[in-house]
Amino acid sequence: MSNIRKSAKGQYCIRCGAPPDTVRACHYNGFRQHTYGKGRGIKCHDLASAELCFNCDQLFSEGKLDFFDSKLDRSEQFLHLCMLTNIRRFENGVIK
């Protein structure tokens, strides 16, 4: 397990602020996933992940479109959360 994925332990959910006990690094699965390293049986690069709780992970992985305006909206919101997570990782010294 990479240091980036390990760093999710002890963090609050970047989307809803849920406590750390259910938070993990969730890999981006939107429109641009293949440009971030996604392949057959391979997830995106760890930098294309967001620290989400179980419920928020389900929201993005299940793709509940009644919550989002469209698939593009879901993809954009997930990328935004990945960016916010990377800012937090940078500020915490996980990435340089």
C-alpha atoms as a PDB file:
ATOM      1  CA  MET A   1       0.000   0.000   0.000  1.00  0.00           C
ATOM      2  CA  SER A   2       1.398   3.394  -0.960  1.00  0.00           C
ATOM      3  CA  ASN A   3       2.030   6.226   1.489  1.00  0.00           C
ATOM      4  CA  ILE A   4      -0.693   8.211  -0.272  1.00  0.00           C
ATOM      5  CA  ARG A   5      -3.315   5.550   0.439  1.00  0.00           C
ATOM      6  CA  LYS A   6      -2.010   5.040   3.977  1.00  0.00           C
ATOM      7  CA  SER A   7      -2.355   8.775   4.650  1.00  0.00           C
ATOM      8  CA  ALA A   8      -6.162   8.490   4.470  1.00  0.00           C
ATOM      9  CA  LYS A   9      -6.135   6.746   7.835  1.00  0.00           C
ATOM     10  CA  GLY A  10      -7.061   9.227  10.532  1.00  0.00           C
ATOM     11  CA  GLN A  11      -8.478  11.833   8.120  1.00  0.00           C
ATOM     12  CA  TYR A  12     -12.006  13.187   8.060  1.00  0.00           C
ATOM     13  CA  CYS A  13     -14.050  12.754   4.873  1.00  0.00           C
ATOM     14  CA  ILE A  14     -13.084  15.519   2.450  1.00  0.00           C
ATOM     15  CA  ARG A  15     -16.721  15.826   1.275  1.00  0.00           C
ATOM     16  CA  CYS A  16     -18.931  15.563   4.362  1.00  0.00           C
ATOM     17  CA  GLY A  17     -16.516  15.639   7.314  1.00  0.00           C
ATOM     18  CA  ALA A  18     -17.439  12.151   8.563  1.00  0.00           C
ATOM     19  CA  PRO A  19     -15.122  10.790  11.261  1.00  0.00           C
ATOM     20  CA  PRO A  20     -11.949   8.910  10.278  1.00  0.00           C
ATOM     21  CA  ASP A  21     -13.124   5.390  11.123  1.00  0.00           C
ATOM     22  CA  THR A  22     -14.808   4.944   7.710  1.00  0.00           C
ATOM     23  CA  VAL A  23     -12.478   7.055   5.531  1.00  0.00           C
ATOM     24  CA  ARG A  24     -10.246   5.583   2.821  1.00  0.00           C
ATOM     25  CA  ALA A  25      -8.583   6.682  -0.410  1.00  0.00           C
ATOM     26  CA  CYS A  26     -11.192   6.217  -3.167  1.00  0.00           C
ATOM     27  CA  HIS A  27      -9.882   6.195  -6.730  1.00  0.00           C
ATOM     28  CA  TYR A  28     -11.461   8.438  -9.356  1.00  0.00           C
ATOM     29  CA  ASN A  29     -13.759   6.577 -11.757  1.00  0.00           C
ATOM     30  CA  GLY A  30     -15.115   9.335 -13.990  1.00  0.00           C
ATOM     31  CA  PHE A  31     -14.799  10.222 -17.657  1.00  0.00           C
ATOM     32  CA  ARG A  32     -11.045  10.847 -17.581  1.00  0.00           C
ATOM     33  CA  GLN A  33     -10.046   7.809 -15.511  1.00  0.00           C
ATOM     34  CA  HIS A  34      -7.963   6.272 -18.302  1.00  0.00           C
ATOM     35  CA  THR A  35      -5.833   9.401 -18.604  1.00  0.00           C
ATOM     36  CA  TYR A  36      -4.926   8.964 -14.916  1.00  0.00           C
ATOM     37  CA  GLY A  37      -3.660   5.404 -15.293  1.00  0.00           C
ATOM     38  CA  LYS A  38      -6.838   3.304 -15.204  1.00  0.00           C
ATOM     39  CA  GLY A  39      -6.542   0.066 -17.124  1.00  0.00           C
ATOM     40  CA  ARG A  40      -7.972  -3.411 -17.150  1.00  0.00           C
ATOM     41  CA  GLY A  41      -7.776  -4.517 -13.524  1.00  0.00           C
ATOM     42  CA  ILE A  42      -5.763  -1.391 -12.601  1.00  0.00           C
ATOM     43  CA  LYS A  43      -7.072   1.591 -10.683  1.00  0.00           C
ATOM     44  CA  CYS A  44      -6.092   5.190 -11.422  1.00  0.00           C
ATOM     45  CA  HIS A  45      -2.919   6.623  -9.958  1.00  0.00           C
ATOM     46  CA  ASP A  46      -3.173   7.193  -6.200  1.00  0.00           C
ATOM     47  CA  LEU A  47      -2.973  10.959  -6.757  1.00  0.00           C
ATOM     48  CA  ALA A  48      -6.350  10.619  -8.526  1.00  0.00           C
ATOM     49  CA  SER A  49      -8.078   9.592  -5.322  1.00  0.00           C
ATOM     50  CA  ALA A  50     -10.162  11.354  -2.703  1.00  0.00           C
ATOM     51  CA  GLU A  51     -10.342  10.613   1.010  1.00  0.00           C
ATOM     52  CA  LEU A  52     -14.010   9.695   1.367  1.00  0.00           C
ATOM     53  CA  CYS A  53     -16.156   7.958   3.964  1.00  0.00           C
ATOM     54  CA  PHE A  54     -18.112   4.841   3.060  1.00  0.00           C
ATOM     55  CA  ASN A  55     -21.325   6.766   2.257  1.00  0.00           C
ATOM     56  CA  CYS A  56     -19.637   9.339   0.018  1.00  0.00           C
ATOM     57  CA  ASP A  57     -17.653   6.590  -1.720  1.00  0.00           C
ATOM     58  CA  GLN A  58     -20.931   4.792  -2.493  1.00  0.00           C
ATOM     59  CA  LEU A  59     -22.408   8.014  -3.869  1.00  0.00           C
ATOM     60  CA  PHE A  60     -19.601   8.293  -6.425  1.00  0.00           C
ATOM     61  CA  SER A  61     -18.965   4.628  -7.164  1.00  0.00           C
ATOM     62  CA  GLU A  62     -22.640   3.745  -7.545  1.00  0.00           C
ATOM     63  CA  GLY A  63     -23.134   6.838  -9.720  1.00  0.00           C
ATOM     64  CA  LYS A  64     -26.529   7.751  -8.288  1.00  0.00           C
ATOM     65  CA  LEU A  65     -27.550  10.182 -10.982  1.00  0.00           C
ATOM     66  CA  ASP A  66     -30.605  11.390  -9.065  1.00  0.00           C
ATOM     67  CA  PHE A  67     -28.105  13.183  -6.792  1.00  0.00           C
ATOM     68  CA  PHE A  68     -26.029  14.634  -9.659  1.00  0.00           C
ATOM     69  CA  ASP A  69     -27.160  16.680 -12.647  1.00  0.00           C
ATOM     70  CA  SER A  70     -25.378  14.310 -15.050  1.00  0.00           C
ATOM     71  CA  LYS A  71     -22.499  11.848 -15.364  1.00  0.00           C
ATOM     72  CA  LEU A  72     -20.293  14.802 -16.286  1.00  0.00           C
ATOM     73  CA  ASP A  73     -21.346  16.594 -13.068  1.00  0.00           C
ATOM     74  CA  ARG A  74     -20.494  13.487 -11.006  1.00  0.00           C
ATOM     75  CA  SER A  75     -17.100  13.223 -12.733  1.00  0.00           C
ATOM     76  CA  GLU A  76     -16.326  16.912 -12.171  1.00  0.00           C
ATOM     77  CA  GLN A  77     -17.316  16.791  -8.495  1.00  0.00           C
ATOM     78  CA  PHE A  78     -15.152  13.701  -7.922  1.00  0.00           C
ATOM     79  CA  LEU A  79     -12.134  15.390  -9.556  1.00  0.00           C
ATOM     80  CA  HIS A  80     -12.741  18.440  -7.346  1.00  0.00           C
ATOM     81  CA  LEU A  81     -12.643  16.230  -4.246  1.00  0.00           C
ATOM     82  CA  CYS A  82      -9.432  14.606  -5.511  1.00  0.00           C
ATOM     83  CA  MET A  83      -7.879  18.060  -5.814  1.00  0.00           C
ATOM     84  CA  LEU A  84      -9.030  19.093  -2.320  1.00  0.00           C
ATOM     85  CA  THR A  85      -7.581  15.845  -0.958  1.00  0.00           C
ATOM     86  CA  ASN A  86      -4.233  16.489  -2.671  1.00  0.00           C
ATOM     87  CA  ILE A  87      -4.120  20.009  -1.219  1.00  0.00           C
ATOM     88  CA  ARG A  88      -4.643  18.498   2.238  1.00  0.00           C
ATOM     89  CA  ARG A  89      -1.973  15.860   1.524  1.00  0.00           C
ATOM     90  CA  PHE A  90       0.459  18.584   0.457  1.00  0.00           C
ATOM     91  CA  GLU A  91      -0.273  20.677   3.556  1.00  0.00           C
ATOM     92  CA  ASN A  92       0.237  17.587   5.749  1.00  0.00           C
ATOM     93  CA  GLY A  93       3.568  16.776   4.041  1.00  0.00           C
ATOM     94  CA  VAL A  94       2.353  13.524   2.476  1.00  0.00           C
ATOM     95  CA  ILE A  95       3.204  14.792  -1.026  1.00  0.00           C
ATOM     96  CA  LYS A  96       5.829  17.377  -1.936  1.00  0.00           C
END
